[in-house]
Amino acid sequence: MIVVLAIASFGVRFGTAEAASGDAKGLKIVIARPFDIVGLDPGFLTESAQVVDNIFETLVRRNLDEKLEPGLALSWKQLDDTTWEFKLREGVTFTNGEPFNAEAVKYSIDRVLDPANNAPTRSYITTVKEVKAVDDTTVHVITNAPDPLIPIRFNRYPTEVVPPKYAGEVGQEKFAQNPVGTGPYKLKNWDKGSSVTLVINESYWGDKPEVEEVTFKAIPEAATRVSALINGEADIITAVPPEFRSQIEDSSTAKLSVVERGGNTVYVGFKTNVSPFDNVKVRQALNHAVDVDGIVKNILQGAAVATNSLIGPKDFGYAGEPEGYSYDPEKARKLLSDAGYPNGFEATLDTVNWYMKNTDVAQAIAEQLKQVGVKVKVNNVESGVYRTIVPTGEQSPMYTLGWSSTNTMDADAAIFAVLRSGEPYSTYGNPDVDALLDESRSSSDQERRRQIYAEIQKRVIADAPRIFLYQENTYYGVSKKLDWKGRTDGSLPLRTIKRAE
């Protein structure tokens, strides 16, 4: 198959051919991604934080080696089992002139924890009972039970700090459209559905980055993104499909950056309280009916790793791959018959373009399920709609979703939000699993936490509330004029991008 790379139909140019070379004042670059953003409020994100991470900051951040280091907090320590103290930087201001202080930290956390606000990111910090502003530069984070992960929780959204006065005055909706933070960048303009441009924050407290201005451009078509990169009209592109890897590697202008198992773990989720998915034998049958290894090899061309778990090798709590379901259509048919569905049933599988070759994968799953009598209609849902319906539980009872530990690199972030009953992204409930998840958050015994995660995986695999598919590798295309490579935590901190020497 010959793929023709063309950009004429896109109608506009992506930047300038000089984008990556910049001038004495700094780099001006274009980053092309498959989709635009929906909102820029870190407390209420339903998408990647790659943009907001550059506008806002957390108390703790990760350095180039992805180790924890001071961010807006200079230091932190545990005072007792349920109290952590953070000492804050002085002299930091938001880009609107508001001071950064302990009250800003308290406000930022309180608004996410408030049940009335229905923050989709609330599950990440539900261990927090209260935030106290002791004085302008001292914060006490008090937890419901011991939580050894507090420094890690405070290095990612939704703990990014917002200005209380401005955020309170304009309200959540307007703040998401016109954000104000303390980070190295601020919003210049947002062309909805097309691009968002950030410029350097001249009053930033930290070192001045080399990138002076960046445009995150939405280019849904992979071929067009790759063409833009090779032609010098984009400087970094995300979500490179497997069939374009060699084209970038062979290019004289670009290079491929690979993060093995750096992407989402993609799965088919079931609403386990909706028939027929409330029957464990049905769920087990569907697991046996899907040839995951074949999908990874033939459709994804080896660009992912088959897995039986949401916990990956970069997460604390990973202990190798647990035993899952073999590809066994005959066993699937028997289980369906035992469950009362000898002739199968009909269902809809929702999918979205956030994941590598998502439609091809969904169609392959539908074809394999057809072989055991289950007729599946694949429903491609528009990205913006999916971001709304999934956290509110309005998707079909059978749906595709991907999850990762993001920059916490701990199994808690990988599993709690999608397996704990009552969480926005969970469509599964098991009291025993809930109890284990809760214990894993309160135990300071790391060995015990490893045991808990192993037990959770064992119980979840038996319950089969998901068809675990694979963890994607992450592929970025990068201009040879830049010195940057993809990160395990999936972030894209502009302050780390340099000119190539």
Protein backbone atom coordinates (compact mmCIF):
# COMPACT_ATOMS: atom_id res chain seq x y z
CA MET A 1 0.00 0.00 0.00
CA ILE A 2 1.37 3.40 -0.99
CA VAL A 3 0.57 6.27 1.34
CA VAL A 4 0.68 9.69 -0.26
CA LEU A 5 1.73 12.45 2.09
CA ALA A 6 -0.01 15.68 1.25
CA ILE A 7 -0.89 18.85 3.15
CA ALA A 8 -2.58 20.93 0.51
CA SER A 9 -6.01 19.87 1.65
CA PHE A 10 -5.33 21.10 5.19
CA GLY A 11 -5.54 24.64 3.87
CA VAL A 12 -3.01 26.42 6.07
CA ARG A 13 0.65 26.26 6.83
CA PHE A 14 1.68 25.03 10.25
CA GLY A 15 4.39 27.52 11.02
CA THR A 16 7.54 28.68 9.34
CA ALA A 17 10.44 26.70 7.96
CA GLU A 18 12.59 28.58 10.48
CA ALA A 19 10.51 27.46 13.44
CA ALA A 20 13.04 25.15 15.02
CA SER A 21 16.05 27.34 14.34
CA GLY A 22 14.50 30.40 15.99
CA ASP A 23 16.65 33.46 16.56
CA ALA A 24 18.70 35.05 19.31
CA LYS A 25 15.57 35.60 21.36
CA GLY A 26 14.61 31.95 21.51
CA LEU A 27 12.96 29.08 19.73
CA LYS A 28 9.52 29.25 18.18
CA ILE A 29 8.19 25.78 17.56
CA VAL A 30 5.10 23.89 16.44
CA ILE A 31 3.95 20.69 18.13
CA ALA A 32 1.38 18.72 16.15
CA ARG A 33 -1.00 16.38 17.94
CA PRO A 34 -4.06 14.44 16.74
CA PHE A 35 -6.52 16.58 18.67
CA ASP A 36 -7.12 20.02 20.14
CA ILE A 37 -7.64 20.65 23.82
CA VAL A 38 -11.05 20.97 25.44
CA GLY A 39 -10.16 23.06 28.46
CA LEU A 40 -7.18 24.44 30.32
CA ASP A 41 -8.21 24.04 33.95
CA PRO A 42 -5.86 21.49 35.56
CA GLY A 43 -8.35 20.69 38.30
CA PHE A 44 -11.00 19.50 35.85
CA LEU A 45 -9.07 17.88 33.02
CA THR A 46 -10.53 15.09 30.92
CA GLU A 47 -7.50 14.88 28.63
CA SER A 48 -3.72 14.87 28.50
CA ALA A 49 -1.99 17.50 30.63
CA GLN A 50 0.72 18.18 28.03
CA VAL A 51 -0.47 21.77 27.53
CA VAL A 52 -1.56 22.77 31.04
CA ASP A 53 1.64 21.39 32.57
CA ASN A 54 3.45 24.32 30.96
CA ILE A 55 1.04 26.98 32.24
CA PHE A 56 0.63 25.73 35.79
CA GLU A 57 2.96 24.24 38.37
CA THR A 58 2.82 21.77 41.21
CA LEU A 59 4.56 21.82 44.58
CA VAL A 60 6.81 18.96 43.45
CA ARG A 61 8.03 18.25 39.92
CA ARG A 62 10.23 15.77 38.05
CA ASN A 63 13.65 16.63 36.64
CA LEU A 64 15.23 15.45 33.39
CA ASP A 65 15.85 12.05 34.98
CA GLU A 66 12.19 12.00 36.09
CA LYS A 67 13.17 12.08 39.75
CA LEU A 68 11.23 14.23 42.22
CA GLU A 69 12.62 17.69 42.87
CA PRO A 70 11.33 20.97 44.35
CA GLY A 71 8.76 22.86 42.33
CA LEU A 72 6.63 25.52 43.98
CA ALA A 73 7.63 23.91 47.28
CA LEU A 74 11.23 24.14 48.42
CA SER A 75 10.92 21.15 50.74
CA TRP A 76 8.48 18.68 52.25
CA LYS A 77 8.44 16.29 55.16
CA GLN A 78 6.04 14.06 57.05
CA LEU A 79 5.21 15.39 60.51
CA ASP A 80 3.10 12.43 61.63
CA ASP A 81 1.16 9.54 60.09
CA THR A 82 -1.43 11.83 58.49
CA THR A 83 0.29 15.22 58.17
CA TRP A 84 2.73 16.41 55.52
CA GLU A 85 4.34 19.83 55.62
CA PHE A 86 5.37 21.75 52.50
CA LYS A 87 7.54 24.87 52.63
CA LEU A 88 6.76 27.16 49.70
CA ARG A 89 8.85 29.41 47.51
CA GLU A 90 8.65 33.11 48.24
CA GLY A 91 8.28 35.88 45.67
CA VAL A 92 6.39 33.79 43.08
CA THR A 93 3.42 35.42 41.36
CA PHE A 94 0.76 34.30 38.92
CA THR A 95 0.89 35.93 35.49
CA ASN A 96 -1.97 38.26 36.50
CA GLY A 97 0.04 39.57 39.44
CA GLU A 98 -1.68 37.59 42.20
CA PRO A 99 0.75 36.23 44.78
CA PHE A 100 1.44 32.53 45.08
CA ASN A 101 1.07 31.50 48.71
CA ALA A 102 -0.36 28.87 51.02
CA GLU A 103 -3.92 30.14 50.54
CA ALA A 104 -3.57 29.55 46.79
CA VAL A 105 -2.52 25.94 47.43
CA LYS A 106 -5.43 25.40 49.81
CA TYR A 107 -7.93 26.92 47.36
CA SER A 108 -6.63 24.82 44.46
CA ILE A 109 -7.05 21.55 46.35
CA ASP A 110 -10.34 22.46 48.02
CA ARG A 111 -12.06 23.19 44.70
CA VAL A 112 -11.13 19.73 43.36
CA LEU A 113 -12.13 17.90 46.54
CA ASP A 114 -15.50 19.67 46.80
CA PRO A 115 -18.05 17.00 45.75
CA ALA A 116 -20.34 19.71 44.38
CA ASN A 117 -17.79 20.48 41.67
CA ASN A 118 -17.71 16.90 40.31
CA ALA A 119 -14.04 17.12 39.39
CA PRO A 120 -13.17 14.14 37.14
CA THR A 121 -9.65 14.16 38.61
CA ARG A 122 -10.80 14.03 42.24
CA SER A 123 -9.89 10.34 42.67
CA TYR A 124 -6.18 11.17 42.52
CA ILE A 125 -6.33 13.10 45.79
CA THR A 126 -9.26 11.67 47.73
CA THR A 127 -6.84 10.58 50.44
CA VAL A 128 -6.55 14.27 51.35
CA LYS A 129 -8.85 15.31 54.19
CA GLU A 130 -7.82 18.92 54.53
CA VAL A 131 -5.22 21.46 53.45
CA LYS A 132 -4.25 24.06 56.05
CA ALA A 133 -2.49 27.33 55.27
CA VAL A 134 -0.31 27.62 58.38
CA ASP A 135 1.26 30.86 57.15
CA ASP A 136 2.04 32.34 53.73
CA THR A 137 4.86 29.88 53.05
CA THR A 138 3.75 26.80 54.99
CA VAL A 139 1.09 24.26 54.01
CA HIS A 140 -0.06 21.23 55.97
CA VAL A 141 -1.69 18.46 53.96
CA ILE A 142 -3.76 16.27 56.29
CA THR A 143 -4.89 12.89 55.02
CA ASN A 144 -7.74 10.61 56.05
CA ALA A 145 -5.26 7.82 56.72
CA PRO A 146 -1.51 7.44 56.21
CA ASP A 147 -0.63 8.13 52.58
CA PRO A 148 3.01 7.64 51.61
CA LEU A 149 2.31 8.96 48.10
CA ILE A 150 1.53 12.58 49.01
CA PRO A 151 4.76 14.02 47.47
CA ILE A 152 4.01 12.06 44.30
CA ARG A 153 0.37 13.18 44.24
CA PHE A 154 1.54 16.78 44.49
CA ASN A 155 3.67 16.53 41.35
CA ARG A 156 0.79 16.17 38.86
CA TYR A 157 -2.58 17.60 38.03
CA PRO A 158 -5.02 18.13 39.71
CA THR A 159 -2.69 19.62 42.35
CA GLU A 160 -1.44 22.35 40.01
CA VAL A 161 -1.96 25.69 41.70
CA VAL A 162 -4.42 28.32 40.43
CA PRO A 163 -4.94 31.96 41.56
CA PRO A 164 -7.85 32.07 44.04
CA LYS A 165 -9.08 35.60 43.39
CA TYR A 166 -9.17 35.34 39.60
CA ALA A 167 -10.46 31.76 39.48
CA GLY A 168 -13.18 32.59 41.98
CA GLU A 169 -14.27 35.71 40.11
CA VAL A 170 -14.51 34.24 36.60
CA GLY A 171 -15.77 30.77 37.52
CA GLN A 172 -14.71 27.33 36.37
CA GLU A 173 -15.91 27.56 32.76
CA LYS A 174 -14.23 30.89 31.96
CA PHE A 175 -11.09 29.94 33.83
CA ALA A 176 -10.75 26.83 31.63
CA GLN A 177 -10.80 29.11 28.57
CA ASN A 178 -8.52 31.84 29.96
CA PRO A 179 -6.11 30.18 32.40
CA VAL A 180 -3.63 31.94 34.65
CA GLY A 181 -0.75 30.10 36.30
CA THR A 182 2.77 30.50 37.65
CA GLY A 183 4.46 28.29 35.05
CA PRO A 184 7.12 29.11 32.47
CA TYR A 185 4.44 29.81 29.84
CA LYS A 186 1.17 31.67 29.51
CA LEU A 187 -1.67 31.50 27.01
CA LYS A 188 -1.33 33.73 23.96
CA ASN A 189 -4.33 32.58 21.97
CA TRP A 190 -6.57 29.59 21.40
CA ASP A 191 -8.18 28.94 18.04
CA LYS A 192 -10.79 26.42 19.14
CA GLY A 193 -10.55 23.13 17.29
CA SER A 194 -7.32 24.13 15.58
CA SER A 195 -4.46 25.32 17.79
CA VAL A 196 -3.39 26.83 21.06
CA THR A 197 -0.33 29.06 21.37
CA LEU A 198 1.74 29.63 24.49
CA VAL A 199 4.42 32.27 24.99
CA ILE A 200 7.12 32.54 27.59
CA ASN A 201 6.24 33.97 30.99
CA GLU A 202 8.80 36.75 31.30
CA SER A 203 8.26 36.96 35.07
CA TYR A 204 8.82 33.25 35.64
CA TRP A 205 10.75 32.51 38.84
CA GLY A 206 12.87 29.75 37.32
CA ASP A 207 15.42 29.54 34.53
CA LYS A 208 14.32 31.01 31.23
CA PRO A 209 13.56 28.24 28.72
CA GLU A 210 14.99 28.23 25.20
CA VAL A 211 11.52 27.83 23.69
CA GLU A 212 10.00 31.30 23.50
CA GLU A 213 6.73 30.42 21.79
CA VAL A 214 4.96 27.17 20.96
CA THR A 215 1.86 26.35 18.98
CA PHE A 216 0.13 23.08 19.74
CA LYS A 217 -1.67 22.33 16.49
CA ALA A 218 -4.43 19.79 16.05
CA ILE A 219 -3.80 17.64 12.97
CA PRO A 220 -6.01 14.55 13.15
CA GLU A 221 -4.57 12.87 10.04
CA ALA A 222 -1.37 10.97 10.83
CA ALA A 223 -0.04 11.30 7.27
CA THR A 224 -0.43 15.07 7.43
CA ARG A 225 1.35 15.25 10.78
CA VAL A 226 4.27 13.24 9.43
CA SER A 227 4.44 15.37 6.29
CA ALA A 228 4.45 18.55 8.39
CA LEU A 229 7.36 17.21 10.44
CA ILE A 230 9.47 16.10 7.50
CA ASN A 231 8.80 19.35 5.63
CA GLY A 232 9.84 21.47 8.61
CA GLU A 233 6.37 22.83 9.28
CA ALA A 234 6.11 21.05 12.64
CA ASP A 235 8.98 20.46 15.04
CA ILE A 236 7.54 17.71 17.23
CA ILE A 237 4.65 15.39 16.43
CA THR A 238 2.93 12.99 18.78
CA ALA A 239 1.08 9.73 18.19
CA VAL A 240 3.18 8.47 15.29
CA PRO A 241 1.45 5.35 13.91
CA PRO A 242 3.60 2.24 13.37
CA GLU A 243 3.45 2.42 9.58
CA PHE A 244 5.19 5.81 9.59
CA ARG A 245 8.10 4.93 11.84
CA SER A 246 10.51 4.06 9.06
CA GLN A 247 9.60 7.16 7.06
CA ILE A 248 10.66 9.37 9.94
CA GLU A 249 13.76 7.31 10.69
CA ASP A 250 14.84 7.56 7.04
CA SER A 251 14.24 11.30 6.90
CA SER A 252 17.11 13.78 6.67
CA THR A 253 15.18 16.34 8.70
CA ALA A 254 13.59 14.35 11.52
CA LYS A 255 14.21 11.55 13.99
CA LEU A 256 12.05 9.11 15.92
CA SER A 257 11.90 9.16 19.71
CA VAL A 258 10.62 5.93 21.24
CA VAL A 259 9.41 5.32 24.79
CA GLU A 260 8.89 1.59 25.25
CA ARG A 261 5.59 0.97 27.04
CA GLY A 262 5.35 4.70 27.61
CA GLY A 263 1.74 5.00 26.52
CA ASN A 264 -1.69 4.05 27.71
CA THR A 265 -2.75 0.55 28.60
CA VAL A 266 -5.74 0.08 26.31
CA TYR A 267 -8.65 -2.10 27.32
CA VAL A 268 -12.26 -2.91 26.55
CA GLY A 269 -14.35 -1.96 29.55
CA PHE A 270 -17.68 -3.39 30.61
CA LYS A 271 -20.40 -1.81 32.70
CA THR A 272 -20.62 -4.73 35.06
CA ASN A 273 -24.06 -3.73 36.37
CA VAL A 274 -25.64 -3.87 32.89
CA SER A 275 -26.86 -7.11 31.24
CA PRO A 276 -25.27 -9.23 29.83
CA PHE A 277 -22.02 -7.83 31.22
CA ASP A 278 -23.23 -8.33 34.78
CA ASN A 279 -22.57 -12.05 34.21
CA VAL A 280 -18.97 -12.98 35.00
CA LYS A 281 -19.07 -15.95 32.61
CA VAL A 282 -19.98 -13.60 29.75
CA ARG A 283 -17.05 -11.35 30.59
CA GLN A 284 -14.69 -14.30 30.84
CA ALA A 285 -15.97 -15.63 27.52
CA LEU A 286 -15.28 -12.35 25.75
CA ASN A 287 -11.76 -12.34 27.18
CA HIS A 288 -11.12 -15.79 25.72
CA ALA A 289 -12.58 -14.69 22.36
CA VAL A 290 -10.09 -11.89 21.65
CA ASP A 291 -6.70 -12.68 20.13
CA VAL A 292 -4.64 -9.88 21.68
CA ASP A 293 -1.30 -11.22 20.46
CA GLY A 294 -2.62 -11.30 16.91
CA ILE A 295 -3.86 -7.73 17.15
CA VAL A 296 -0.51 -6.49 18.45
CA LYS A 297 1.42 -8.34 15.76
CA ASN A 298 -0.79 -7.84 12.72
CA ILE A 299 -2.53 -4.53 13.30
CA LEU A 300 -0.17 -2.59 15.56
CA GLN A 301 2.95 -4.05 13.91
CA GLY A 302 4.62 -4.61 17.26
CA ALA A 303 4.08 -1.04 18.46
CA ALA A 304 2.61 -2.22 21.77
CA VAL A 305 3.04 -4.97 24.34
CA ALA A 306 0.20 -7.35 25.19
CA THR A 307 -0.69 -7.19 28.88
CA ASN A 308 -3.15 -8.59 31.41
CA SER A 309 -2.91 -5.66 33.78
CA LEU A 310 -3.09 -1.89 34.08
CA ILE A 311 0.12 -1.95 36.11
CA GLY A 312 3.15 -1.52 33.87
CA PRO A 313 6.89 -2.08 34.33
CA LYS A 314 7.54 1.58 35.12
CA ASP A 315 5.09 1.54 38.03
CA PHE A 316 5.79 0.73 41.64
CA GLY A 317 3.90 -2.49 42.27
CA TYR A 318 4.75 -4.17 38.95
CA ALA A 319 5.72 -7.80 39.49
CA GLY A 320 5.69 -9.15 35.98
CA GLU A 321 2.70 -10.11 33.91
CA PRO A 322 -0.09 -11.94 35.79
CA GLU A 323 -1.67 -14.93 34.08
CA GLY A 324 -4.69 -13.86 32.06
CA TYR A 325 -7.01 -15.38 29.46
CA SER A 326 -5.69 -17.48 26.59
CA TYR A 327 -7.17 -17.03 23.12
CA ASP A 328 -9.64 -19.92 23.10
CA PRO A 329 -12.82 -19.38 21.00
CA GLU A 330 -14.14 -22.83 21.88
CA LYS A 331 -13.90 -22.11 25.59
CA ALA A 332 -15.56 -18.75 24.94
CA ARG A 333 -18.54 -20.44 23.27
CA LYS A 334 -18.94 -22.86 26.18
CA LEU A 335 -18.85 -20.07 28.74
CA LEU A 336 -21.45 -18.12 26.78
CA SER A 337 -23.67 -21.20 26.66
CA ASP A 338 -23.22 -21.79 30.38
CA ALA A 339 -24.16 -18.15 30.97
CA GLY A 340 -27.42 -18.59 29.08
CA TYR A 341 -26.30 -17.15 25.74
CA PRO A 342 -25.76 -20.18 23.48
CA ASN A 343 -26.55 -18.02 20.44
CA GLY A 344 -24.60 -15.03 21.65
CA PHE A 345 -26.04 -11.51 21.81
CA GLU A 346 -25.71 -8.09 20.20
CA ALA A 347 -23.72 -5.18 21.62
CA THR A 348 -22.15 -1.83 20.71
CA LEU A 349 -18.45 -1.12 21.22
CA ASP A 350 -17.63 2.57 21.63
CA THR A 351 -14.16 3.64 20.54
CA VAL A 352 -12.27 6.91 20.05
CA ASN A 353 -9.21 8.05 18.11
CA TRP A 354 -7.05 8.61 21.17
CA TYR A 355 -5.41 5.24 20.70
CA MET A 356 -3.20 3.76 18.03
CA LYS A 357 -5.21 2.46 15.04
CA ASN A 358 -8.27 2.40 17.26
CA THR A 359 -10.82 1.71 14.55
CA ASP A 360 -8.84 -1.17 13.05
CA VAL A 361 -8.41 -2.68 16.51
CA ALA A 362 -12.11 -2.30 17.34
CA GLN A 363 -13.13 -3.88 14.03
CA ALA A 364 -10.76 -6.79 14.66
CA ILE A 365 -12.28 -7.32 18.11
CA ALA A 366 -15.77 -7.21 16.60
CA GLU A 367 -14.80 -9.81 14.00
CA GLN A 368 -13.29 -12.12 16.61
CA LEU A 369 -16.35 -11.82 18.85
CA LYS A 370 -18.53 -12.60 15.85
CA GLN A 371 -16.80 -15.97 15.65
CA VAL A 372 -18.29 -16.89 19.04
CA GLY A 373 -21.75 -15.56 18.23
CA VAL A 374 -21.50 -12.03 19.63
CA LYS A 375 -22.49 -9.40 17.07
CA VAL A 376 -20.74 -6.12 17.81
CA LYS A 377 -21.37 -2.75 16.21
CA VAL A 378 -18.33 -0.48 16.34
CA ASN A 379 -19.27 3.08 17.24
CA ASN A 380 -16.58 5.70 16.63
CA VAL A 381 -17.27 8.57 19.02
CA GLU A 382 -15.95 12.07 18.39
CA SER A 383 -13.10 12.94 20.75
CA GLY A 384 -14.74 15.91 22.47
CA VAL A 385 -17.94 13.96 23.05
CA TYR A 386 -16.07 10.98 24.48
CA ARG A 387 -14.29 13.21 26.98
CA THR A 388 -17.70 14.21 28.30
CA ILE A 389 -19.64 10.95 28.28
CA VAL A 390 -17.05 8.58 29.73
CA PRO A 391 -16.49 10.25 33.13
CA THR A 392 -20.25 10.68 33.47
CA GLY A 393 -20.93 7.03 32.58
CA GLU A 394 -22.94 7.77 29.43
CA GLN A 395 -20.88 5.58 27.09
CA SER A 396 -22.10 2.22 25.81
CA PRO A 397 -21.90 -0.74 28.24
CA MET A 398 -18.93 -1.98 26.18
CA TYR A 399 -16.28 0.63 25.41
CA THR A 400 -12.62 1.24 24.69
CA LEU A 401 -10.50 3.22 27.13
CA GLY A 402 -6.82 3.64 27.89
CA TRP A 403 -5.21 4.42 31.22
CA SER A 404 -1.75 4.89 32.64
CA SER A 405 0.05 5.80 35.83
CA THR A 406 0.99 9.10 34.19
CA ASN A 407 3.79 10.84 36.06
CA THR A 408 3.13 9.23 39.44
CA MET A 409 4.78 6.00 38.28
CA ASP A 410 2.87 4.12 40.95
CA ALA A 411 0.22 1.46 40.51
CA ASP A 412 -2.23 3.55 42.54
CA ALA A 413 -2.76 5.97 39.66
CA ALA A 414 -2.93 3.12 37.19
CA ILE A 415 -5.75 1.23 38.87
CA PHE A 416 -7.65 3.20 41.54
CA ALA A 417 -9.61 5.54 39.26
CA VAL A 418 -10.82 2.78 36.94
CA LEU A 419 -11.36 -0.11 39.37
CA ARG A 420 -12.65 1.52 42.57
CA SER A 421 -16.43 1.55 42.63
CA GLY A 422 -17.94 5.01 42.56
CA GLU A 423 -15.02 6.64 40.74
CA PRO A 424 -15.93 8.58 37.54
CA TYR A 425 -13.98 6.29 35.21
CA SER A 426 -14.90 3.03 36.91
CA THR A 427 -17.75 0.87 35.64
CA TYR A 428 -16.94 -1.97 38.02
CA GLY A 429 -17.62 -2.70 41.65
CA ASN A 430 -16.31 -5.38 43.96
CA PRO A 431 -16.31 -4.70 47.74
CA ASP A 432 -13.24 -6.88 48.29
CA VAL A 433 -11.29 -5.05 45.59
CA ASP A 434 -12.49 -1.71 46.98
CA ALA A 435 -11.15 -2.65 50.42
CA LEU A 436 -7.79 -3.64 48.97
CA LEU A 437 -7.56 -0.45 46.92
CA ASP A 438 -8.29 1.60 50.02
CA GLU A 439 -5.70 -0.30 52.04
CA SER A 440 -3.07 0.19 49.35
CA ARG A 441 -3.50 3.94 49.71
CA SER A 442 -3.04 3.95 53.47
CA SER A 443 -0.22 1.48 53.99
CA SER A 444 3.29 2.81 54.51
CA ASP A 445 4.69 -0.72 54.26
CA GLN A 446 5.95 -0.92 50.70
CA GLU A 447 6.18 -4.69 50.71
CA ARG A 448 2.60 -4.91 51.89
CA ARG A 449 1.56 -2.55 49.10
CA ARG A 450 3.22 -4.86 46.56
CA GLN A 451 1.27 -7.80 48.00
CA ILE A 452 -1.96 -5.83 47.84
CA TYR A 453 -1.44 -4.94 44.19
CA ALA A 454 -0.75 -8.59 43.36
CA GLU A 455 -3.96 -9.63 45.13
CA ILE A 456 -5.97 -6.92 43.37
CA GLN A 457 -4.75 -8.12 39.98
CA LYS A 458 -5.61 -11.72 40.83
CA ARG A 459 -9.16 -10.81 41.84
CA VAL A 460 -9.73 -8.47 38.91
CA ILE A 461 -8.55 -11.02 36.37
CA ALA A 462 -10.96 -13.57 37.83
CA ASP A 463 -13.78 -11.02 37.72
CA ALA A 464 -12.91 -10.02 34.14
CA PRO A 465 -14.45 -6.51 34.21
CA ARG A 466 -12.10 -5.58 31.36
CA ILE A 467 -10.50 -7.17 28.34
CA PHE A 468 -6.95 -6.00 28.93
CA LEU A 469 -5.35 -5.56 25.53
CA TYR A 470 -1.91 -3.95 25.43
CA GLN A 471 0.24 -1.08 26.56
CA GLU A 472 1.24 1.18 23.72
CA ASN A 473 4.77 2.22 23.00
CA THR A 474 4.98 5.98 22.50
CA TYR A 475 6.42 7.36 19.28
CA TYR A 476 7.31 10.99 18.71
CA GLY A 477 8.69 12.58 15.59
CA VAL A 478 11.28 15.25 16.42
CA SER A 479 13.04 17.75 14.18
CA LYS A 480 16.79 17.18 14.03
CA LYS A 481 17.14 20.86 14.91
CA LEU A 482 15.92 20.06 18.41
CA ASP A 483 17.41 18.19 21.35
CA TRP A 484 14.46 16.47 23.01
CA LYS A 485 13.16 12.97 23.56
CA GLY A 486 9.94 11.48 24.88
CA ARG A 487 9.54 10.88 28.57
CA THR A 488 8.23 7.91 30.53
CA ASP A 489 5.76 10.12 32.39
CA GLY A 490 4.15 11.20 29.10
CA SER A 491 4.62 14.89 29.81
CA LEU A 492 5.95 17.41 27.34
CA PRO A 493 7.68 20.09 29.43
CA LEU A 494 8.73 22.84 27.04
CA ARG A 495 11.48 23.93 29.42
CA THR A 496 13.35 20.71 28.56
CA ILE A 497 13.47 21.39 24.79
CA LYS A 498 16.81 22.70 23.53
CA ARG A 499 18.48 23.49 20.23
CA ALA A 500 20.46 20.58 18.89
CA GLU A 501 24.19 21.18 19.04
